[in-house]
Amino acid sequence: MFKEQEQIVLTADVFGDEGEELKSGDAGTIIHIHPDKEALVVEFMSLNGDTVAVATVLPSQARPVTNVDLTHARTFPATV
């Protein structure tokens, strides 16, 4: 179903691997699929291309991006 380098949209709020709060509707790119396909590693970036979070996401917490999805911006807490 999912492929590496595919863009996804979260369907649930999740926490990033370092505790970042990601919200349903946030979009990211799959950078790794666990061999058992039970989890995806997803990178979330700001609109200027900076990585703001990497999260391990269950397939049930994500869906593929579609041609009717709209980009939406929200402020993400600055990371140091």
PDB file of N, CA and C in Angstrom:
ATOM      1  N   MET A   1       0.809  -1.184   0.000  1.00  0.00           N
ATOM      2  CA  MET A   1       0.000   0.000   0.000  1.00  0.00           C
ATOM      3  C   MET A   1       0.863   1.263   0.000  1.00  0.00           C
ATOM      4  N   PHE A   2       1.730   1.430   0.982  1.00  0.00           N
ATOM      5  CA  PHE A   2       2.610   2.598   1.033  1.00  0.00           C
ATOM      6  C   PHE A   2       3.960   2.272   0.414  1.00  0.00           C
ATOM      7  N   LYS A   3       4.636   3.324  -0.084  1.00  0.00           N
ATOM      8  CA  LYS A   3       5.972   3.163  -0.664  1.00  0.00           C
ATOM      9  C   LYS A   3       6.895   4.225  -0.085  1.00  0.00           C
ATOM     10  N   GLU A   4       8.186   3.906  -0.001  1.00  0.00           N
ATOM     11  CA  GLU A   4       9.155   4.904   0.432  1.00  0.00           C
ATOM     12  C   GLU A   4       9.151   6.073  -0.545  1.00  0.00           C
ATOM     13  N   GLN A   5       9.363   7.267  -0.023  1.00  0.00           N
ATOM     14  CA  GLN A   5       9.362   8.545  -0.746  1.00  0.00           C
ATOM     15  C   GLN A   5       7.956   9.021  -1.114  1.00  0.00           C
ATOM     16  N   GLU A   6       6.934   8.280  -0.711  1.00  0.00           N
ATOM     17  CA  GLU A   6       5.549   8.700  -0.942  1.00  0.00           C
ATOM     18  C   GLU A   6       5.148   9.714   0.124  1.00  0.00           C
ATOM     19  N   GLN A   7       4.370  10.702  -0.272  1.00  0.00           N
ATOM     20  CA  GLN A   7       3.842  11.662   0.684  1.00  0.00           C
ATOM     21  C   GLN A   7       2.579  11.096   1.311  1.00  0.00           C
ATOM     22  N   ILE A   8       2.429  11.380   2.613  1.00  0.00           N
ATOM     23  CA  ILE A   8       1.257  10.921   3.364  1.00  0.00           C
ATOM     24  C   ILE A   8       0.653  12.085   4.131  1.00  0.00           C
ATOM     25  N   VAL A   9      -0.568  11.893   4.598  1.00  0.00           N
ATOM     26  CA  VAL A   9      -1.243  12.825   5.479  1.00  0.00           C
ATOM     27  C   VAL A   9      -1.620  12.047   6.741  1.00  0.00           C
ATOM     28  N   LEU A  10      -1.327  12.618   7.891  1.00  0.00           N
ATOM     29  CA  LEU A  10      -1.725  11.966   9.141  1.00  0.00           C
ATOM     30  C   LEU A  10      -3.240  11.981   9.279  1.00  0.00           C
ATOM     31  N   THR A  11      -3.795  10.875   9.765  1.00  0.00           N
ATOM     32  CA  THR A  11      -5.231  10.789  10.038  1.00  0.00           C
ATOM     33  C   THR A  11      -5.499  10.797  11.545  1.00  0.00           C
ATOM     34  N   ALA A  12      -4.437  10.935  12.327  1.00  0.00           N
ATOM     35  CA  ALA A  12      -4.529  10.993  13.782  1.00  0.00           C
ATOM     36  C   ALA A  12      -3.387  11.848  14.305  1.00  0.00           C
ATOM     37  N   ASP A  13      -3.561  12.427  15.484  1.00  0.00           N
ATOM     38  CA  ASP A  13      -2.463  13.133  16.135  1.00  0.00           C
ATOM     39  C   ASP A  13      -1.438  12.096  16.587  1.00  0.00           C
ATOM     40  N   VAL A  14      -0.147  12.381  16.383  1.00  0.00           N
ATOM     41  CA  VAL A  14       0.920  11.482  16.821  1.00  0.00           C
ATOM     42  C   VAL A  14       2.061  12.316  17.400  1.00  0.00           C
ATOM     43  N   PHE A  15       2.950  11.661  18.099  1.00  0.00           N
ATOM     44  CA  PHE A  15       4.147  12.311  18.606  1.00  0.00           C
ATOM     45  C   PHE A  15       5.330  11.899  17.752  1.00  0.00           C
ATOM     46  N   GLY A  16       6.209  12.864  17.460  1.00  0.00           N
ATOM     47  CA  GLY A  16       7.449  12.572  16.762  1.00  0.00           C
ATOM     48  C   GLY A  16       8.363  11.750  17.648  1.00  0.00           C
ATOM     49  N   ASP A  17       9.420  11.226  17.060  1.00  0.00           N
ATOM     50  CA  ASP A  17      10.350  10.374  17.796  1.00  0.00           C
ATOM     51  C   ASP A  17      11.049  11.113  18.931  1.00  0.00           C
ATOM     52  N   GLU A  18      11.051  12.462  18.905  1.00  0.00           N
ATOM     53  CA  GLU A  18      11.646  13.247  19.987  1.00  0.00           C
ATOM     54  C   GLU A  18      10.579  14.045  20.739  1.00  0.00           C
ATOM     55  N   GLY A  19       9.317  13.610  20.653  1.00  0.00           N
ATOM     56  CA  GLY A  19       8.243  14.212  21.425  1.00  0.00           C
ATOM     57  C   GLY A  19       7.495  15.349  20.750  1.00  0.00           C
ATOM     58  N   GLU A  20       7.804  15.654  19.498  1.00  0.00           N
ATOM     59  CA  GLU A  20       7.108  16.734  18.797  1.00  0.00           C
ATOM     60  C   GLU A  20       5.639  16.365  18.612  1.00  0.00           C
ATOM     61  N   GLU A  21       4.764  17.359  18.757  1.00  0.00           N
ATOM     62  CA  GLU A  21       3.332  17.118  18.596  1.00  0.00           C
ATOM     63  C   GLU A  21       2.919  17.343  17.144  1.00  0.00           C
ATOM     64  N   LEU A  22       2.552  16.273  16.482  1.00  0.00           N
ATOM     65  CA  LEU A  22       2.086  16.343  15.095  1.00  0.00           C
ATOM     66  C   LEU A  22       0.576  16.165  15.100  1.00  0.00           C
ATOM     67  N   LYS A  23      -0.093  16.854  14.212  1.00  0.00           N
ATOM     68  CA  LYS A  23      -1.554  16.885  14.198  1.00  0.00           C
ATOM     69  C   LYS A  23      -2.114  16.166  12.973  1.00  0.00           C
ATOM     70  N   SER A  24      -3.309  15.624  13.140  1.00  0.00           N
ATOM     71  CA  SER A  24      -4.039  15.058  12.015  1.00  0.00           C
ATOM     72  C   SER A  24      -4.108  16.115  10.922  1.00  0.00           C
ATOM     73  N   GLY A  25      -3.799  15.733   9.709  1.00  0.00           N
ATOM     74  CA  GLY A  25      -3.771  16.676   8.592  1.00  0.00           C
ATOM     75  C   GLY A  25      -2.369  17.106   8.206  1.00  0.00           C
ATOM     76  N   ASP A  26      -1.376  16.913   9.105  1.00  0.00           N
ATOM     77  CA  ASP A  26       0.009  17.237   8.756  1.00  0.00           C
ATOM     78  C   ASP A  26       0.487  16.279   7.662  1.00  0.00           C
ATOM     79  N   ALA A  27       1.261  16.809   6.740  1.00  0.00           N
ATOM     80  CA  ALA A  27       1.767  16.004   5.631  1.00  0.00           C
ATOM     81  C   ALA A  27       3.256  15.746   5.813  1.00  0.00           C
ATOM     82  N   GLY A  28       3.696  14.561   5.416  1.00  0.00           N
ATOM     83  CA  GLY A  28       5.099  14.197   5.510  1.00  0.00           C
ATOM     84  C   GLY A  28       5.468  13.232   4.403  1.00  0.00           C
ATOM     85  N   THR A  29       6.732  12.838   4.387  1.00  0.00           N
ATOM     86  CA  THR A  29       7.251  11.924   3.375  1.00  0.00           C
ATOM     87  C   THR A  29       7.786  10.670   4.046  1.00  0.00           C
ATOM     88  N   ILE A  30       7.387   9.518   3.547  1.00  0.00           N
ATOM     89  CA  ILE A  30       7.871   8.246   4.087  1.00  0.00           C
ATOM     90  C   ILE A  30       9.342   8.103   3.730  1.00  0.00           C
ATOM     91  N   ILE A  31      10.187   7.917   4.752  1.00  0.00           N
ATOM     92  CA  ILE A  31      11.618   7.734   4.494  1.00  0.00           C
ATOM     93  C   ILE A  31      12.066   6.300   4.759  1.00  0.00           C
ATOM     94  N   HIS A  32      11.203   5.510   5.386  1.00  0.00           N
ATOM     95  CA  HIS A  32      11.524   4.099   5.633  1.00  0.00           C
ATOM     96  C   HIS A  32      10.241   3.347   5.973  1.00  0.00           C
ATOM     97  N   ILE A  33      10.156   2.134   5.498  1.00  0.00           N
ATOM     98  CA  ILE A  33       9.062   1.238   5.873  1.00  0.00           C
ATOM     99  C   ILE A  33       9.681   0.047   6.584  1.00  0.00           C
ATOM    100  N   HIS A  34       9.236  -0.209   7.799  1.00  0.00           N
ATOM    101  CA  HIS A  34       9.773  -1.352   8.542  1.00  0.00           C
ATOM    102  C   HIS A  34       9.530  -2.631   7.740  1.00  0.00           C
ATOM    103  N   PRO A  35      10.466  -3.581   7.801  1.00  0.00           N
ATOM    104  CA  PRO A  35      10.339  -4.801   7.006  1.00  0.00           C
ATOM    105  C   PRO A  35       9.019  -5.549   7.194  1.00  0.00           C
ATOM    106  N   ASP A  36       8.457  -5.497   8.391  1.00  0.00           N
ATOM    107  CA  ASP A  36       7.187  -6.182   8.628  1.00  0.00           C
ATOM    108  C   ASP A  36       5.987  -5.357   8.153  1.00  0.00           C
ATOM    109  N   LYS A  37       6.253  -4.138   7.634  1.00  0.00           N
ATOM    110  CA  LYS A  37       5.235  -3.203   7.137  1.00  0.00           C
ATOM    111  C   LYS A  37       4.254  -2.755   8.227  1.00  0.00           C
ATOM    112  N   GLU A  38       4.627  -2.948   9.491  1.00  0.00           N
ATOM    113  CA  GLU A  38       3.750  -2.546  10.592  1.00  0.00           C
ATOM    114  C   GLU A  38       3.946  -1.102  11.002  1.00  0.00           C
ATOM    115  N   ALA A  39       4.989  -0.438  10.476  1.00  0.00           N
ATOM    116  CA  ALA A  39       5.229   0.961  10.827  1.00  0.00           C
ATOM    117  C   ALA A  39       5.971   1.672   9.701  1.00  0.00           C
ATOM    118  N   LEU A  40       5.726   2.980   9.619  1.00  0.00           N
ATOM    119  CA  LEU A  40       6.372   3.841   8.636  1.00  0.00           C
ATOM    120  C   LEU A  40       7.197   4.873   9.387  1.00  0.00           C
ATOM    121  N   VAL A  41       8.358   5.204   8.869  1.00  0.00           N
ATOM    122  CA  VAL A  41       9.125   6.318   9.412  1.00  0.00           C
ATOM    123  C   VAL A  41       8.889   7.483   8.452  1.00  0.00           C
ATOM    124  N   VAL A  42       8.359   8.575   9.000  1.00  0.00           N
ATOM    125  CA  VAL A  42       7.922   9.704   8.174  1.00  0.00           C
ATOM    126  C   VAL A  42       8.656  10.966   8.604  1.00  0.00           C
ATOM    127  N   GLU A  43       9.161  11.713   7.616  1.00  0.00           N
ATOM    128  CA  GLU A  43       9.810  12.996   7.867  1.00  0.00           C
ATOM    129  C   GLU A  43       8.807  14.112   7.603  1.00  0.00           C
ATOM    130  N   PHE A  44       8.732  15.053   8.542  1.00  0.00           N
ATOM    131  CA  PHE A  44       7.857  16.213   8.408  1.00  0.00           C
ATOM    132  C   PHE A  44       8.740  17.440   8.283  1.00  0.00           C
ATOM    133  N   MET A  45       8.463  18.277   7.290  1.00  0.00           N
ATOM    134  CA  MET A  45       9.301  19.431   7.014  1.00  0.00           C
ATOM    135  C   MET A  45       8.485  20.713   7.009  1.00  0.00           C
ATOM    136  N   SER A  46       9.166  21.815   7.316  1.00  0.00           N
ATOM    137  CA  SER A  46       8.541  23.128   7.178  1.00  0.00           C
ATOM    138  C   SER A  46       8.432  23.431   5.684  1.00  0.00           C
ATOM    139  N   LEU A  47       7.682  24.466   5.337  1.00  0.00           N
ATOM    140  CA  LEU A  47       7.508  24.804   3.931  1.00  0.00           C
ATOM    141  C   LEU A  47       8.797  25.277   3.270  1.00  0.00           C
ATOM    142  N   ASN A  48       9.810  25.668   4.071  1.00  0.00           N
ATOM    143  CA  ASN A  48      11.086  26.051   3.461  1.00  0.00           C
ATOM    144  C   ASN A  48      12.074  24.890   3.407  1.00  0.00           C
ATOM    145  N   GLY A  49      11.647  23.693   3.785  1.00  0.00           N
ATOM    146  CA  GLY A  49      12.464  22.493   3.615  1.00  0.00           C
ATOM    147  C   GLY A  49      13.239  22.025   4.823  1.00  0.00           C
ATOM    148  N   ASP A  50      13.086  22.686   5.978  1.00  0.00           N
ATOM    149  CA  ASP A  50      13.772  22.243   7.184  1.00  0.00           C
ATOM    150  C   ASP A  50      13.006  21.083   7.825  1.00  0.00           C
ATOM    151  N   THR A  51      13.715  20.043   8.238  1.00  0.00           N
ATOM    152  CA  THR A  51      13.078  18.939   8.954  1.00  0.00           C
ATOM    153  C   THR A  51      12.665  19.425  10.337  1.00  0.00           C
ATOM    154  N   VAL A  52      11.389  19.221  10.679  1.00  0.00           N
ATOM    155  CA  VAL A  52      10.911  19.612  12.009  1.00  0.00           C
ATOM    156  C   VAL A  52      10.606  18.408  12.879  1.00  0.00           C
ATOM    157  N   ALA A  53      10.416  17.245  12.267  1.00  0.00           N
ATOM    158  CA  ALA A  53      10.151  16.043  13.055  1.00  0.00           C
ATOM    159  C   ALA A  53      10.311  14.806  12.183  1.00  0.00           C
ATOM    160  N   VAL A  54      10.675  13.739  12.833  1.00  0.00           N
ATOM    161  CA  VAL A  54      10.648  12.398  12.241  1.00  0.00           C
ATOM    162  C   VAL A  54       9.799  11.575  13.195  1.00  0.00           C
ATOM    163  N   ALA A  55       8.846  10.843  12.641  1.00  0.00           N
ATOM    164  CA  ALA A  55       7.932  10.082  13.486  1.00  0.00           C
ATOM    165  C   ALA A  55       7.751   8.672  12.951  1.00  0.00           C
ATOM    166  N   THR A  56       7.612   7.736  13.858  1.00  0.00           N
ATOM    167  CA  THR A  56       7.233   6.372  13.506  1.00  0.00           C
ATOM    168  C   THR A  56       5.713   6.323  13.572  1.00  0.00           C
ATOM    169  N   VAL A  57       5.098   6.005  12.446  1.00  0.00           N
ATOM    170  CA  VAL A  57       3.647   6.112  12.276  1.00  0.00           C
ATOM    171  C   VAL A  57       3.081   4.749  11.883  1.00  0.00           C
ATOM    172  N   LEU A  58       1.982   4.382  12.479  1.00  0.00           N
ATOM    173  CA  LEU A  58       1.288   3.157  12.064  1.00  0.00           C
ATOM    174  C   LEU A  58       0.565   3.420  10.750  1.00  0.00           C
ATOM    175  N   PRO A  59       0.456   2.440   9.874  1.00  0.00           N
ATOM    176  CA  PRO A  59      -0.285   2.647   8.624  1.00  0.00           C
ATOM    177  C   PRO A  59      -1.722   3.131   8.859  1.00  0.00           C
ATOM    178  N   SER A  60      -2.334   2.735   9.958  1.00  0.00           N
ATOM    179  CA  SER A  60      -3.702   3.172  10.265  1.00  0.00           C
ATOM    180  C   SER A  60      -3.776   4.648  10.662  1.00  0.00           C
ATOM    181  N   GLN A  61      -2.624   5.280  10.889  1.00  0.00           N
ATOM    182  CA  GLN A  61      -2.576   6.690  11.270  1.00  0.00           C
ATOM    183  C   GLN A  61      -2.242   7.600  10.090  1.00  0.00           C
ATOM    184  N   ALA A  62      -2.241   7.042   8.891  1.00  0.00           N
ATOM    185  CA  ALA A  62      -1.842   7.811   7.708  1.00  0.00           C
ATOM    186  C   ALA A  62      -2.654   7.388   6.496  1.00  0.00           C
ATOM    187  N   ARG A  63      -2.665   8.287   5.518  1.00  0.00           N
ATOM    188  CA  ARG A  63      -3.262   7.959   4.226  1.00  0.00           C
ATOM    189  C   ARG A  63      -2.410   8.612   3.141  1.00  0.00           C
ATOM    190  N   PRO A  64      -2.452   8.080   1.935  1.00  0.00           N
ATOM    191  CA  PRO A  64      -1.698   8.711   0.851  1.00  0.00           C
ATOM    192  C   PRO A  64      -2.259  10.102   0.525  1.00  0.00           C
ATOM    193  N   VAL A  65      -1.419  10.977   0.020  1.00  0.00           N
ATOM    194  CA  VAL A  65      -1.851  12.277  -0.479  1.00  0.00           C
ATOM    195  C   VAL A  65      -2.662  12.045  -1.755  1.00  0.00           C
ATOM    196  N   THR A  66      -3.710  12.842  -1.937  1.00  0.00           N
ATOM    197  CA  THR A  66      -4.523  12.731  -3.154  1.00  0.00           C
ATOM    198  C   THR A  66      -4.458  14.031  -3.947  1.00  0.00           C
ATOM    199  N   ASN A  67      -5.008  14.004  -5.142  1.00  0.00           N
ATOM    200  CA  ASN A  67      -4.978  15.188  -6.003  1.00  0.00           C
ATOM    201  C   ASN A  67      -5.976  16.258  -5.571  1.00  0.00           C
ATOM    202  N   VAL A  68      -6.759  16.021  -4.535  1.00  0.00           N
ATOM    203  CA  VAL A  68      -7.691  17.037  -4.043  1.00  0.00           C
ATOM    204  C   VAL A  68      -7.263  17.594  -2.686  1.00  0.00           C
ATOM    205  N   ASP A  69      -6.079  17.181  -2.195  1.00  0.00           N
ATOM    206  CA  ASP A  69      -5.565  17.714  -0.936  1.00  0.00           C
ATOM    207  C   ASP A  69      -4.997  19.117  -1.169  1.00  0.00           C
ATOM    208  N   LEU A  70      -5.163  19.966  -0.170  1.00  0.00           N
ATOM    209  CA  LEU A  70      -4.711  21.346  -0.223  1.00  0.00           C
ATOM    210  C   LEU A  70      -3.643  21.567   0.832  1.00  0.00           C
ATOM    211  N   THR A  71      -2.566  22.249   0.467  1.00  0.00           N
ATOM    212  CA  THR A  71      -1.534  22.589   1.443  1.00  0.00           C
ATOM    213  C   THR A  71      -2.084  23.617   2.411  1.00  0.00           C
ATOM    214  N   HIS A  72      -1.803  23.411   3.695  1.00  0.00           N
ATOM    215  CA  HIS A  72      -2.258  24.322   4.740  1.00  0.00           C
ATOM    216  C   HIS A  72      -1.081  24.538   5.687  1.00  0.00           C
ATOM    217  N   ALA A  73      -0.857  25.760   6.078  1.00  0.00           N
ATOM    218  CA  ALA A  73       0.265  26.056   6.967  1.00  0.00           C
ATOM    219  C   ALA A  73      -0.213  26.267   8.395  1.00  0.00           C
ATOM    220  N   ARG A  74       0.560  25.751   9.347  1.00  0.00           N
ATOM    221  CA  ARG A  74       0.356  26.044  10.761  1.00  0.00           C
ATOM    222  C   ARG A  74       1.725  26.254  11.361  1.00  0.00           C
ATOM    223  N   THR A  75       1.791  27.034  12.412  1.00  0.00           N
ATOM    224  CA  THR A  75       3.067  27.308  13.059  1.00  0.00           C
ATOM    225  C   THR A  75       3.467  26.104  13.899  1.00  0.00           C
ATOM    226  N   PHE A  76       4.705  25.710  13.738  1.00  0.00           N
ATOM    227  CA  PHE A  76       5.250  24.582  14.493  1.00  0.00           C
ATOM    228  C   PHE A  76       6.285  25.143  15.458  1.00  0.00           C
ATOM    229  N   PRO A  77       6.292  24.704  16.699  1.00  0.00           N
ATOM    230  CA  PRO A  77       7.281  25.240  17.647  1.00  0.00           C
ATOM    231  C   PRO A  77       8.706  25.117  17.100  1.00  0.00           C
ATOM    232  N   ALA A  78       9.467  26.174  17.267  1.00  0.00           N
ATOM    233  CA  ALA A  78      10.850  26.177  16.781  1.00  0.00           C
ATOM    234  C   ALA A  78      11.664  25.127  17.516  1.00  0.00           C
ATOM    235  N   THR A  79      12.535  24.456  16.774  1.00  0.00           N
ATOM    236  CA  THR A  79      13.434  23.484  17.393  1.00  0.00           C
ATOM    237  C   THR A  79      14.844  24.054  17.356  1.00  0.00           C
ATOM    238  N   VAL A  80      15.622  23.737  18.356  1.00  0.00           N
ATOM    239  CA  VAL A  80      16.994  24.264  18.437  1.00  0.00           C
ATOM    240  C   VAL A  80      17.962  23.217  17.991  1.00  0.00           C
TER     241      VAL A  80
END
